[in-house]
Amino acid sequence: MPPSARVLQRLGPRREAYFGRNERLRGAWTDEIVYALLADEWAARGSATRR
């Protein structure tokens, strides 16, 4: 798992999609992972960290 995906997992969004080898970047096929977090989930997370 790439470091950027580990950071996202710590922040709390859920993984909604994984597209394997869907995009070419610098001549190589790369994977794409899509994460999502609803506004109310983000707000609830923020208030929980302020306690």
PDB file of N, CA and C in Angstrom:
ATOM      1  N   MET A   1       0.843  -1.172   0.000  1.00  0.00           N
ATOM      2  CA  MET A   1       0.000   0.000   0.000  1.00  0.00           C
ATOM      3  C   MET A   1       0.892   1.240   0.000  1.00  0.00           C
ATOM      4  N   PRO A   2       0.601   2.197  -0.872  1.00  0.00           N
ATOM      5  CA  PRO A   2       1.440   3.398  -0.916  1.00  0.00           C
ATOM      6  C   PRO A   2       1.268   4.240   0.347  1.00  0.00           C
ATOM      7  N   PRO A   3       2.288   5.026   0.683  1.00  0.00           N
ATOM      8  CA  PRO A   3       2.212   5.859   1.888  1.00  0.00           C
ATOM      9  C   PRO A   3       1.005   6.795   1.890  1.00  0.00           C
ATOM     10  N   SER A   4       0.630   7.329   0.736  1.00  0.00           N
ATOM     11  CA  SER A   4      -0.514   8.243   0.688  1.00  0.00           C
ATOM     12  C   SER A   4      -1.810   7.535   1.099  1.00  0.00           C
ATOM     13  N   ALA A   5      -1.961   6.271   0.756  1.00  0.00           N
ATOM     14  CA  ALA A   5      -3.152   5.511   1.154  1.00  0.00           C
ATOM     15  C   ALA A   5      -3.150   5.277   2.663  1.00  0.00           C
ATOM     16  N   ARG A   6      -1.990   5.060   3.248  1.00  0.00           N
ATOM     17  CA  ARG A   6      -1.908   4.875   4.707  1.00  0.00           C
ATOM     18  C   ARG A   6      -2.312   6.155   5.443  1.00  0.00           C
ATOM     19  N   VAL A   7      -1.909   7.302   4.906  1.00  0.00           N
ATOM     20  CA  VAL A   7      -2.295   8.581   5.510  1.00  0.00           C
ATOM     21  C   VAL A   7      -3.809   8.737   5.458  1.00  0.00           C
ATOM     22  N   LEU A   8      -4.403   8.453   4.322  1.00  0.00           N
ATOM     23  CA  LEU A   8      -5.861   8.571   4.187  1.00  0.00           C
ATOM     24  C   LEU A   8      -6.584   7.648   5.157  1.00  0.00           C
ATOM     25  N   GLN A   9      -6.104   6.449   5.337  1.00  0.00           N
ATOM     26  CA  GLN A   9      -6.753   5.518   6.256  1.00  0.00           C
ATOM     27  C   GLN A   9      -6.724   6.051   7.683  1.00  0.00           C
ATOM     28  N   ARG A  10      -5.656   6.722   8.059  1.00  0.00           N
ATOM     29  CA  ARG A  10      -5.587   7.298   9.407  1.00  0.00           C
ATOM     30  C   ARG A  10      -6.560   8.457   9.576  1.00  0.00           C
ATOM     31  N   LEU A  11      -6.851   9.186   8.491  1.00  0.00           N
ATOM     32  CA  LEU A  11      -7.764  10.327   8.568  1.00  0.00           C
ATOM     33  C   LEU A  11      -9.228   9.905   8.657  1.00  0.00           C
ATOM     34  N   GLY A  12      -9.548   8.691   8.250  1.00  0.00           N
ATOM     35  CA  GLY A  12     -10.892   8.189   8.465  1.00  0.00           C
ATOM     36  C   GLY A  12     -11.807   7.973   7.276  1.00  0.00           C
ATOM     37  N   PRO A  13     -11.485   8.416   6.060  1.00  0.00           N
ATOM     38  CA  PRO A  13     -12.422   8.140   4.974  1.00  0.00           C
ATOM     39  C   PRO A  13     -12.444   6.656   4.620  1.00  0.00           C
ATOM     40  N   ARG A  14     -13.521   6.232   4.007  1.00  0.00           N
ATOM     41  CA  ARG A  14     -13.636   4.827   3.604  1.00  0.00           C
ATOM     42  C   ARG A  14     -13.165   4.671   2.159  1.00  0.00           C
ATOM     43  N   ARG A  15     -12.632   3.525   1.873  1.00  0.00           N
ATOM     44  CA  ARG A  15     -12.209   3.220   0.504  1.00  0.00           C
ATOM     45  C   ARG A  15     -13.445   2.790  -0.273  1.00  0.00           C
ATOM     46  N   GLU A  16     -13.754   3.516  -1.337  1.00  0.00           N
ATOM     47  CA  GLU A  16     -14.962   3.244  -2.100  1.00  0.00           C
ATOM     48  C   GLU A  16     -14.691   2.517  -3.409  1.00  0.00           C
ATOM     49  N   ALA A  17     -13.505   2.657  -3.953  1.00  0.00           N
ATOM     50  CA  ALA A  17     -13.240   2.003  -5.235  1.00  0.00           C
ATOM     51  C   ALA A  17     -11.750   1.754  -5.411  1.00  0.00           C
ATOM     52  N   TYR A  18     -11.464   0.709  -6.159  1.00  0.00           N
ATOM     53  CA  TYR A  18     -10.087   0.392  -6.531  1.00  0.00           C
ATOM     54  C   TYR A  18     -10.097   0.060  -8.016  1.00  0.00           C
ATOM     55  N   PHE A  19      -9.313   0.793  -8.788  1.00  0.00           N
ATOM     56  CA  PHE A  19      -9.206   0.554 -10.222  1.00  0.00           C
ATOM     57  C   PHE A  19      -7.777   0.122 -10.512  1.00  0.00           C
ATOM     58  N   GLY A  20      -7.607  -1.136 -10.817  1.00  0.00           N
ATOM     59  CA  GLY A  20      -6.275  -1.671 -11.082  1.00  0.00           C
ATOM     60  C   GLY A  20      -5.827  -1.399 -12.502  1.00  0.00           C
ATOM     61  N   ARG A  21      -4.624  -0.896 -12.616  1.00  0.00           N
ATOM     62  CA  ARG A  21      -3.987  -0.619 -13.914  1.00  0.00           C
ATOM     63  C   ARG A  21      -4.919   0.157 -14.855  1.00  0.00           C
ATOM     64  N   ASN A  22      -5.481   1.241 -14.375  1.00  0.00           N
ATOM     65  CA  ASN A  22      -6.439   1.984 -15.190  1.00  0.00           C
ATOM     66  C   ASN A  22      -5.867   3.248 -15.819  1.00  0.00           C
ATOM     67  N   GLU A  23      -4.650   3.615 -15.466  1.00  0.00           N
ATOM     68  CA  GLU A  23      -4.108   4.876 -15.941  1.00  0.00           C
ATOM     69  C   GLU A  23      -2.610   4.736 -16.210  1.00  0.00           C
ATOM     70  N   ARG A  24      -2.168   5.363 -17.299  1.00  0.00           N
ATOM     71  CA  ARG A  24      -0.735   5.332 -17.596  1.00  0.00           C
ATOM     72  C   ARG A  24      -0.090   6.596 -17.057  1.00  0.00           C
ATOM     73  N   LEU A  25       0.985   6.420 -16.308  1.00  0.00           N
ATOM     74  CA  LEU A  25       1.716   7.535 -15.730  1.00  0.00           C
ATOM     75  C   LEU A  25       3.198   7.301 -15.972  1.00  0.00           C
ATOM     76  N   ARG A  26       3.815   8.223 -16.688  1.00  0.00           N
ATOM     77  CA  ARG A  26       5.239   8.095 -17.043  1.00  0.00           C
ATOM     78  C   ARG A  26       5.558   6.757 -17.699  1.00  0.00           C
ATOM     79  N   GLY A  27       4.675   6.312 -18.574  1.00  0.00           N
ATOM     80  CA  GLY A  27       4.917   5.093 -19.337  1.00  0.00           C
ATOM     81  C   GLY A  27       4.562   3.787 -18.638  1.00  0.00           C
ATOM     82  N   ALA A  28       4.027   3.852 -17.417  1.00  0.00           N
ATOM     83  CA  ALA A  28       3.683   2.629 -16.681  1.00  0.00           C
ATOM     84  C   ALA A  28       2.215   2.682 -16.245  1.00  0.00           C
ATOM     85  N   TRP A  29       1.602   1.518 -16.212  1.00  0.00           N
ATOM     86  CA  TRP A  29       0.224   1.432 -15.729  1.00  0.00           C
ATOM     87  C   TRP A  29       0.206   1.589 -14.213  1.00  0.00           C
ATOM     88  N   THR A  30      -0.750   2.377 -13.722  1.00  0.00           N
ATOM     89  CA  THR A  30      -0.868   2.611 -12.284  1.00  0.00           C
ATOM     90  C   THR A  30      -2.272   2.273 -11.799  1.00  0.00           C
ATOM     91  N   ASP A  31      -2.388   2.043 -10.506  1.00  0.00           N
ATOM     92  CA  ASP A  31      -3.679   1.772  -9.877  1.00  0.00           C
ATOM     93  C   ASP A  31      -4.238   3.077  -9.304  1.00  0.00           C
ATOM     94  N   GLU A  32      -5.546   3.108  -9.159  1.00  0.00           N
ATOM     95  CA  GLU A  32      -6.205   4.260  -8.556  1.00  0.00           C
ATOM     96  C   GLU A  32      -7.106   3.773  -7.430  1.00  0.00           C
ATOM     97  N   ILE A  33      -7.035   4.438  -6.288  1.00  0.00           N
ATOM     98  CA  ILE A  33      -7.881   4.115  -5.146  1.00  0.00           C
ATOM     99  C   ILE A  33      -8.690   5.367  -4.822  1.00  0.00           C
ATOM    100  N   VAL A  34     -10.004   5.207  -4.681  1.00  0.00           N
ATOM    101  CA  VAL A  34     -10.894   6.335  -4.410  1.00  0.00           C
ATOM    102  C   VAL A  34     -11.389   6.237  -2.971  1.00  0.00           C
ATOM    103  N   TYR A  35     -11.222   7.320  -2.212  1.00  0.00           N
ATOM    104  CA  TYR A  35     -11.685   7.403  -0.831  1.00  0.00           C
ATOM    105  C   TYR A  35     -12.774   8.463  -0.732  1.00  0.00           C
ATOM    106  N   ALA A  36     -13.683   8.303   0.254  1.00  0.00           N
ATOM    107  CA  ALA A  36     -14.755   9.279   0.438  1.00  0.00           C
ATOM    108  C   ALA A  36     -15.055   9.466   1.916  1.00  0.00           C
ATOM    109  N   LEU A  37     -15.515  10.670   2.231  1.00  0.00           N
ATOM    110  CA  LEU A  37     -15.934  11.011   3.578  1.00  0.00           C
ATOM    111  C   LEU A  37     -17.020  12.070   3.443  1.00  0.00           C
ATOM    112  N   LEU A  38     -18.184  11.834   4.029  1.00  0.00           N
ATOM    113  CA  LEU A  38     -19.275  12.788   3.959  1.00  0.00           C
ATOM    114  C   LEU A  38     -19.006  13.977   4.875  1.00  0.00           C
ATOM    115  N   ALA A  39     -19.597  15.121   4.543  1.00  0.00           N
ATOM    116  CA  ALA A  39     -19.369  16.345   5.322  1.00  0.00           C
ATOM    117  C   ALA A  39     -19.745  16.164   6.784  1.00  0.00           C
ATOM    118  N   ASP A  40     -20.867  15.489   7.056  1.00  0.00           N
ATOM    119  CA  ASP A  40     -21.260  15.307   8.458  1.00  0.00           C
ATOM    120  C   ASP A  40     -20.320  14.353   9.191  1.00  0.00           C
ATOM    121  N   GLU A  41     -19.727  13.401   8.477  1.00  0.00           N
ATOM    122  CA  GLU A  41     -18.733  12.516   9.090  1.00  0.00           C
ATOM    123  C   GLU A  41     -17.474  13.312   9.445  1.00  0.00           C
ATOM    124  N   TRP A  42     -17.079  14.217   8.563  1.00  0.00           N
ATOM    125  CA  TRP A  42     -15.908  15.050   8.817  1.00  0.00           C
ATOM    126  C   TRP A  42     -16.174  15.970  10.011  1.00  0.00           C
ATOM    127  N   ALA A  43     -17.359  16.564  10.062  1.00  0.00           N
ATOM    128  CA  ALA A  43     -17.706  17.461  11.165  1.00  0.00           C
ATOM    129  C   ALA A  43     -17.715  16.702  12.494  1.00  0.00           C
ATOM    130  N   ALA A  44     -18.278  15.496  12.502  1.00  0.00           N
ATOM    131  CA  ALA A  44     -18.318  14.699  13.716  1.00  0.00           C
ATOM    132  C   ALA A  44     -16.907  14.314  14.162  1.00  0.00           C
ATOM    133  N   ARG A  45     -16.054  14.033  13.218  1.00  0.00           N
ATOM    134  CA  ARG A  45     -14.668  13.675  13.536  1.00  0.00           C
ATOM    135  C   ARG A  45     -13.950  14.871  14.134  1.00  0.00           C
ATOM    136  N   GLY A  46     -14.199  16.058  13.581  1.00  0.00           N
ATOM    137  CA  GLY A  46     -13.557  17.277  14.075  1.00  0.00           C
ATOM    138  C   GLY A  46     -13.973  17.611  15.485  1.00  0.00           C
ATOM    139  N   SER A  47     -15.248  17.466  15.784  1.00  0.00           N
ATOM    140  CA  SER A  47     -15.712  17.773  17.148  1.00  0.00           C
ATOM    141  C   SER A  47     -15.189  16.749  18.146  1.00  0.00           C
ATOM    142  N   ALA A  48     -14.979  15.524  17.701  1.00  0.00           N
ATOM    143  CA  ALA A  48     -14.461  14.477  18.599  1.00  0.00           C
ATOM    144  C   ALA A  48     -13.000  14.749  18.951  1.00  0.00           C
ATOM    145  N   THR A  49     -12.254  15.356  18.050  1.00  0.00           N
ATOM    146  CA  THR A  49     -10.836  15.618  18.330  1.00  0.00           C
ATOM    147  C   THR A  49     -10.648  16.870  19.158  1.00  0.00           C
ATOM    148  N   ARG A  50     -11.660  17.705  19.279  1.00  0.00           N
ATOM    149  CA  ARG A  50     -11.555  18.946  20.064  1.00  0.00           C
ATOM    150  C   ARG A  50     -11.891  18.727  21.530  1.00  0.00           C
ATOM    151  N   ARG A  51     -12.320  17.546  21.924  1.00  0.00           N
ATOM    152  CA  ARG A  51     -12.713  17.290  23.311  1.00  0.00           C
ATOM    153  C   ARG A  51     -11.518  17.156  24.209  1.00  0.00           C
TER     154      ARG A  51
END
